[in-house]
C-alpha atoms as a PDB file:
ATOM      1  CA  MET A   1       0.559  -4.478 -12.552  1.00  0.00           C
ATOM      2  CA  ASP A   2       3.468  -2.101 -12.998  1.00  0.00           C
ATOM      3  CA  ASN A   3       4.951  -1.965  -9.488  1.00  0.00           C
ATOM      4  CA  TYR A   4       7.161   0.987 -10.389  1.00  0.00           C
ATOM      5  CA  ASN A   5       4.323   3.212 -11.639  1.00  0.00           C
ATOM      6  CA  TRP A   6       1.423   2.006  -9.506  1.00  0.00           C
ATOM      7  CA  ALA A   7       1.163   5.349  -7.649  1.00  0.00           C
ATOM      8  CA  LYS A   8       0.804   7.220 -10.958  1.00  0.00           C
ATOM      9  CA  ASP A   9      -1.827   4.685 -12.008  1.00  0.00           C
ATOM     10  CA  PHE A  10      -3.675   5.208  -8.717  1.00  0.00           C
ATOM     11  CA  ARG A  11      -3.718   8.965  -9.274  1.00  0.00           C
ATOM     12  CA  GLU A  12      -5.173   8.409 -12.760  1.00  0.00           C
ATOM     13  CA  VAL A  13      -7.901   6.169 -11.308  1.00  0.00           C
ATOM     14  CA  PHE A  14      -8.658   8.738  -8.600  1.00  0.00           C
ATOM     15  CA  ASP A  15      -8.759  11.620 -11.104  1.00  0.00           C
ATOM     16  CA  ALA A  16     -11.013   9.590 -13.429  1.00  0.00           C
ATOM     17  CA  GLY A  17     -13.289   8.973 -10.434  1.00  0.00           C
ATOM     18  CA  LEU A  18     -13.436  12.699  -9.702  1.00  0.00           C
ATOM     19  CA  ASP A  19     -14.281  13.424 -13.344  1.00  0.00           C
ATOM     20  CA  ALA A  20     -17.008  10.766 -13.273  1.00  0.00           C
ATOM     21  CA  TYR A  21     -18.419  12.114 -10.003  1.00  0.00           C
ATOM     22  CA  ARG A  22     -18.342  15.659 -11.376  1.00  0.00           C
ATOM     23  CA  SER A  23     -20.362  14.468 -14.386  1.00  0.00           C
ATOM     24  CA  GLY A  24     -23.025  12.885 -12.163  1.00  0.00           C
ATOM     25  CA  GLN A  25     -21.806   9.287 -11.736  1.00  0.00           C
ATOM     26  CA  ARG A  26     -22.832   8.146  -8.234  1.00  0.00           C
ATOM     27  CA  ASP A  27     -22.493   4.371  -8.499  1.00  0.00           C
ATOM     28  CA  ALA A  28     -19.199   2.819  -7.397  1.00  0.00           C
ATOM     29  CA  SER A  29     -19.944  -0.415  -9.208  1.00  0.00           C
ATOM     30  CA  ILE A  30     -19.865   1.266 -12.626  1.00  0.00           C
ATOM     31  CA  MET A  31     -17.633   4.286 -11.992  1.00  0.00           C
ATOM     32  CA  PHE A  32     -14.467   2.456 -13.052  1.00  0.00           C
ATOM     33  CA  GLY A  33     -13.961   0.392 -16.197  1.00  0.00           C
ATOM     34  CA  LYS A  34     -12.659  -3.165 -16.250  1.00  0.00           C
ATOM     35  CA  GLY A  35      -8.971  -2.217 -16.470  1.00  0.00           C
ATOM     36  CA  ARG A  36      -9.214   0.176 -13.538  1.00  0.00           C
ATOM     37  CA  ARG A  37     -11.151  -2.355 -11.444  1.00  0.00           C
ATOM     38  CA  GLU A  38      -8.430  -4.947 -12.173  1.00  0.00           C
ATOM     39  CA  PHE A  39      -5.777  -2.439 -11.110  1.00  0.00           C
ATOM     40  CA  LEU A  40      -7.609  -1.707  -7.846  1.00  0.00           C
ATOM     41  CA  ASP A  41      -7.981  -5.424  -7.199  1.00  0.00           C
ATOM     42  CA  ALA A  42      -4.225  -5.920  -7.749  1.00  0.00           C
ATOM     43  CA  ILE A  43      -3.393  -3.370  -5.029  1.00  0.00           C
ATOM     44  CA  GLY A  44      -5.980  -4.719  -2.585  1.00  0.00           C
ATOM     45  CA  ALA A  45      -8.426  -1.841  -3.047  1.00  0.00           C
ATOM     46  CA  THR A  46     -12.075  -1.821  -4.081  1.00  0.00           C
ATOM     47  CA  PRO A  47     -14.023   0.553  -6.321  1.00  0.00           C
ATOM     48  CA  GLN A  48     -16.235   1.391  -3.308  1.00  0.00           C
ATOM     49  CA  GLU A  49     -13.242   2.509  -1.220  1.00  0.00           C
ATOM     50  CA  VAL A  50     -11.980   4.785  -3.968  1.00  0.00           C
ATOM     51  CA  PHE A  51     -15.516   6.032  -4.676  1.00  0.00           C
ATOM     52  CA  ASP A  52     -15.887   7.034  -1.007  1.00  0.00           C
ATOM     53  CA  LEU A  53     -12.573   8.903  -1.056  1.00  0.00           C
ATOM     54  CA  VAL A  54     -13.512  10.611  -4.337  1.00  0.00           C
ATOM     55  CA  GLU A  55     -16.969  11.549  -3.048  1.00  0.00           C
ATOM     56  CA  ASP A  56     -15.644  13.071   0.183  1.00  0.00           C
ATOM     57  CA  THR A  57     -12.949  14.926  -1.750  1.00  0.00           C
ATOM     58  CA  PHE A  58     -15.568  16.312  -4.141  1.00  0.00           C
ATOM     59  CA  LEU A  59     -18.054  17.254  -1.411  1.00  0.00           C
ATOM     60  CA  ALA A  60     -15.778  18.221   1.493  1.00  0.00           C
ATOM     61  CA  GLY A  61     -12.416  18.963  -0.132  1.00  0.00           C
ATOM     62  CA  GLU A  62     -10.725  16.164   1.756  1.00  0.00           C
ATOM     63  CA  PRO A  63      -9.129  13.661   2.085  1.00  0.00           C
ATOM     64  CA  GLY A  64      -7.791  14.465  -1.418  1.00  0.00           C
ATOM     65  CA  VAL A  65      -5.652  12.454  -3.777  1.00  0.00           C
ATOM     66  CA  GLU A  66      -2.484  12.662  -1.651  1.00  0.00           C
ATOM     67  CA  THR A  67      -4.048  11.142   1.473  1.00  0.00           C
ATOM     68  CA  SER A  68      -5.971   8.638  -0.641  1.00  0.00           C
ATOM     69  CA  LEU A  69      -2.699   7.543  -2.246  1.00  0.00           C
ATOM     70  CA  LEU A  70      -0.978   7.206   1.134  1.00  0.00           C
ATOM     71  CA  LEU A  71      -3.866   5.086   2.444  1.00  0.00           C
ATOM     72  CA  ALA A  72      -3.736   2.941  -0.683  1.00  0.00           C
ATOM     73  CA  ALA A  73       0.028   2.523  -0.201  1.00  0.00           C
ATOM     74  CA  VAL A  74      -0.383   1.154   3.328  1.00  0.00           C
ATOM     75  CA  ARG A  75      -3.184  -1.190   2.261  1.00  0.00           C
ATOM     76  CA  ARG A  76      -1.216  -2.306  -0.824  1.00  0.00           C
ATOM     77  CA  GLU A  77       1.866  -3.070   1.245  1.00  0.00           C
ATOM     78  CA  TYR A  78      -0.188  -5.066   3.773  1.00  0.00           C
ATOM     79  CA  PHE A  79      -2.059  -6.852   0.985  1.00  0.00           C
ATOM     80  CA  LEU A  80       1.107  -7.860  -0.861  1.00  0.00           C
ATOM     81  CA  SER A  81       3.415  -8.606   2.088  1.00  0.00           C
ATOM     82  CA  VAL A  82       1.106  -9.971   4.794  1.00  0.00           C
ATOM     83  CA  GLN A  83      -1.778 -11.354   2.741  1.00  0.00           C
ATOM     84  CA  LYS A  84       0.482 -12.416  -0.151  1.00  0.00           C
ATOM     85  CA  GLY A  85      -1.940 -10.850  -2.657  1.00  0.00           C
ATOM     86  CA  LYS A  86      -4.917 -12.923  -1.453  1.00  0.00           C
ATOM     87  CA  ARG A  87      -8.064 -11.108  -0.383  1.00  0.00           C
ATOM     88  CA  SER A  88      -9.730 -11.916   2.909  1.00  0.00           C
ATOM     89  CA  SER A  89     -13.088 -13.632   2.489  1.00  0.00           C
ATOM     90  CA  ARG A  90     -14.392 -11.926   5.645  1.00  0.00           C
ATOM     91  CA  VAL A  91     -16.311  -8.637   5.876  1.00  0.00           C
ATOM     92  CA  ILE A  92     -16.745  -7.090   9.311  1.00  0.00           C
ATOM     93  CA  ASP A  93     -20.227  -6.845  10.774  1.00  0.00           C
ATOM     94  CA  MET A  94     -21.291  -3.207  11.170  1.00  0.00           C
ATOM     95  CA  GLU A  95     -23.424  -4.178  14.173  1.00  0.00           C
ATOM     96  CA  LYS A  96     -20.310  -5.352  16.043  1.00  0.00           C
ATOM     97  CA  LEU A  97     -18.367  -2.134  15.490  1.00  0.00           C
ATOM     98  CA  PRO A  98     -17.863  -0.117  18.685  1.00  0.00           C
ATOM     99  CA  PRO A  99     -20.318   2.781  18.905  1.00  0.00           C
ATOM    100  CA  LYS A 100     -19.016   6.251  18.109  1.00  0.00           C
ATOM    101  CA  ASN A 101     -19.163   7.323  21.766  1.00  0.00           C
ATOM    102  CA  GLU A 102     -17.310   4.280  23.153  1.00  0.00           C
ATOM    103  CA  GLN A 103     -14.041   5.215  24.838  1.00  0.00           C
ATOM    104  CA  LEU A 104     -10.608   3.722  25.280  1.00  0.00           C
ATOM    105  CA  GLY A 105      -8.495   5.408  27.924  1.00  0.00           C
ATOM    106  CA  GLY A 106     -11.076   8.194  28.113  1.00  0.00           C
ATOM    107  CA  ILE A 107     -10.852   8.892  24.372  1.00  0.00           C
ATOM    108  CA  GLU A 108     -14.109   8.717  22.426  1.00  0.00           C
ATOM    109  CA  TRP A 109     -14.106   7.267  18.902  1.00  0.00           C
ATOM    110  CA  LEU A 110     -10.776   5.501  19.454  1.00  0.00           C
ATOM    111  CA  PRO A 111     -12.192   1.946  19.777  1.00  0.00           C
ATOM    112  CA  ARG A 112     -14.240   2.487  16.615  1.00  0.00           C
ATOM    113  CA  ILE A 113     -11.430   3.880  14.470  1.00  0.00           C
ATOM    114  CA  ILE A 114      -9.096   1.095  15.622  1.00  0.00           C
ATOM    115  CA  GLU A 115     -11.539  -1.557  14.381  1.00  0.00           C
ATOM    116  CA  LYS A 116     -12.132   0.356  11.150  1.00  0.00           C
ATOM    117  CA  ALA A 117      -8.371   0.631  10.557  1.00  0.00           C
ATOM    118  CA  ARG A 118      -7.905  -3.095  11.192  1.00  0.00           C
ATOM    119  CA  ALA A 119     -10.683  -3.863   8.712  1.00  0.00           C
ATOM    120  CA  LYS A 120      -9.162  -1.449   6.168  1.00  0.00           C
ATOM    121  CA  LEU A 121      -5.756  -3.120   6.479  1.00  0.00           C
ATOM    122  CA  ARG A 122      -7.237  -6.588   5.965  1.00  0.00           C
ATOM    123  CA  GLY A 123      -9.592  -5.473   3.169  1.00  0.00           C
ATOM    124  CA  GLU A 124     -12.650  -6.406   5.237  1.00  0.00           C
ATOM    125  CA  MET A 125     -14.655  -3.167   5.016  1.00  0.00           C
ATOM    126  CA  PRO A 126     -18.350  -3.464   4.182  1.00  0.00           C
ATOM    127  CA  PRO A 127     -19.448  -1.151   1.349  1.00  0.00           C
ATOM    128  CA  GLU A 128     -21.346   1.148   3.721  1.00  0.00           C
ATOM    129  CA  LEU A 129     -18.282   1.835   5.912  1.00  0.00           C
ATOM    130  CA  MET A 130     -15.381   4.151   5.137  1.00  0.00           C
ATOM    131  CA  TYR A 131     -12.013   4.489   6.817  1.00  0.00           C
ATOM    132  CA  ASP A 132     -11.063   8.196   6.968  1.00  0.00           C
ATOM    133  CA  CYS A 133     -14.660   9.382   6.821  1.00  0.00           C
ATOM    134  CA  GLY A 134     -15.517  12.823   8.200  1.00  0.00           C
ATOM    135  CA  GLY A 135     -15.744  11.509  11.780  1.00  0.00           C
ATOM    136  CA  ASP A 136     -12.389   9.748  11.473  1.00  0.00           C
ATOM    137  CA  ARG A 137     -10.799  12.873  10.012  1.00  0.00           C
ATOM    138  CA  ALA A 138     -12.128  15.011  12.879  1.00  0.00           C
ATOM    139  CA  PHE A 139     -10.752  12.524  15.433  1.00  0.00           C
ATOM    140  CA  LEU A 140      -7.368  12.272  13.707  1.00  0.00           C
ATOM    141  CA  CYS A 141      -7.074  16.043  13.287  1.00  0.00           C
ATOM    142  CA  GLU A 142      -7.911  16.598  16.951  1.00  0.00           C
ATOM    143  CA  HIS A 143      -5.118  14.210  17.913  1.00  0.00           C
ATOM    144  CA  GLY A 144      -2.586  15.437  15.333  1.00  0.00           C
ATOM    145  CA  ILE A 145      -2.368  12.135  13.427  1.00  0.00           C
ATOM    146  CA  HIS A 146      -2.454  11.589   9.669  1.00  0.00           C
ATOM    147  CA  ALA A 147      -4.870   8.840   8.548  1.00  0.00           C
ATOM    148  CA  ALA A 148      -2.101   6.841   6.848  1.00  0.00           C
ATOM    149  CA  ASP A 149       0.161   7.128   9.910  1.00  0.00           C
ATOM    150  CA  PHE A 150      -2.643   5.828  12.123  1.00  0.00           C
ATOM    151  CA  LEU A 151      -3.208   2.923   9.731  1.00  0.00           C
ATOM    152  CA  ARG A 152       0.505   2.058   9.833  1.00  0.00           C
ATOM    153  CA  GLU A 153       0.538   2.286  13.625  1.00  0.00           C
ATOM    154  CA  VAL A 154      -2.457  -0.056  13.859  1.00  0.00           C
ATOM    155  CA  TRP A 155      -0.523  -2.496  11.671  1.00  0.00           C
ATOM    156  CA  ALA A 156       2.652  -2.110  13.770  1.00  0.00           C
ATOM    157  CA  THR A 157       0.909  -2.537  17.132  1.00  0.00           C
ATOM    158  CA  GLY A 158      -1.246  -5.484  16.069  1.00  0.00           C
ATOM    159  CA  ASP A 159      -3.613  -6.361  18.914  1.00  0.00           C
ATOM    160  CA  ASP A 160      -1.737  -4.245  21.465  1.00  0.00           C
ATOM    161  CA  THR A 161      -4.320  -1.532  22.107  1.00  0.00           C
ATOM    162  CA  ALA A 162      -2.304  -0.193  25.067  1.00  0.00           C
ATOM    163  CA  ARG A 163       0.566   0.693  22.695  1.00  0.00           C
ATOM    164  CA  LEU A 164      -1.914   2.264  20.290  1.00  0.00           C
ATOM    165  CA  LEU A 165      -3.459   4.304  23.113  1.00  0.00           C
ATOM    166  CA  ASP A 166       0.040   5.534  24.067  1.00  0.00           C
ATOM    167  CA  PHE A 167       0.668   6.492  20.426  1.00  0.00           C
ATOM    168  CA  VAL A 168      -2.566   8.523  20.280  1.00  0.00           C
ATOM    169  CA  ARG A 169      -1.864  10.256  23.597  1.00  0.00           C
ATOM    170  CA  LYS A 170       1.714  11.097  22.578  1.00  0.00           C
ATOM    171  CA  SER A 171       0.566  12.374  19.182  1.00  0.00           C
ATOM    172  CA  ALA A 172      -1.984  14.651  20.847  1.00  0.00           C
ATOM    173  CA  THR A 173       0.677  16.163  23.125  1.00  0.00           C
ATOM    174  CA  ASP A 174       3.102  16.602  20.208  1.00  0.00           C
ATOM    175  CA  LYS A 175       0.488  18.485  18.173  1.00  0.00           C
ATOM    176  CA  PRO A 176       1.533  22.097  17.585  1.00  0.00           C
ATOM    177  CA  PRO A 177      -0.696  24.757  19.130  1.00  0.00           C
ATOM    178  CA  ASP A 178      -3.353  26.396  16.996  1.00  0.00           C
ATOM    179  CA  LEU A 179      -1.827  29.296  15.115  1.00  0.00           C
ATOM    180  CA  PRO A 180      -3.546  32.392  13.795  1.00  0.00           C
ATOM    181  CA  PRO A 181      -4.327  32.499  10.063  1.00  0.00           C
ATOM    182  CA  ALA A 182      -1.344  33.045   7.754  1.00  0.00           C
ATOM    183  CA  TYR A 183      -2.389  36.613   6.974  1.00  0.00           C
ATOM    184  CA  CYS A 184      -2.049  37.598  10.670  1.00  0.00           C
ATOM    185  CA  GLN A 185       1.073  38.999  12.305  1.00  0.00           C
ATOM    186  CA  ILE A 186       2.274  37.933  15.712  1.00  0.00           C
ATOM    187  CA  LEU A 187       3.477  41.117  17.437  1.00  0.00           C
ATOM    188  CA  PRO A 188       5.855  41.445  20.380  1.00  0.00           C
ATOM    189  CA  GLY A 189       4.246  40.207  23.571  1.00  0.00           C
ATOM    190  CA  GLY A 190       2.266  37.563  21.651  1.00  0.00           C
ATOM    191  CA  ARG A 191      -0.408  39.977  20.430  1.00  0.00           C
ATOM    192  CA  VAL A 192      -1.963  39.116  17.072  1.00  0.00           C
ATOM    193  CA  LYS A 193      -2.778  41.681  14.366  1.00  0.00           C
ATOM    194  CA  CYS A 194      -4.915  40.534  11.427  1.00  0.00           C
END
């Protein structure tokens, strides 16, 4: 693997996936050729993970190649530095994942996304589970956190869920207020003219 150009290579894999999806390819196991599968393996990614990101980008317009690359960068760094380039043999059990409505510190979805992020970092995601799915994106958007930043914070805090809860609460309070659309004018007195 070319460590200097791996991000460019990832973009090419992602773009090839989008082209394949656009042409009707809906099977992650055959979407990418041997060379691209070997590349993904070398950065700790799987064809299914990239397929899911491509599919959501095609269907929902997000997460897009930029976020997908940032997620891949965090996973790659963890894979190479912590796991020393060796894949985990474990896959998390979907039945043991916290339910979507479970709360931590009064925040729904947080226990679930924490476990998903931990599994993403370790490369232990089952094929039917996606980190940064639509539900994750809604949660992260609501709390003003980028998916890659949350993944890094999960790595940094380890098993310390209290620190992670503080991070989420602080991020939510730091989030800028909703602004009117760009084509609107904010007039004196705070009135909005669109």
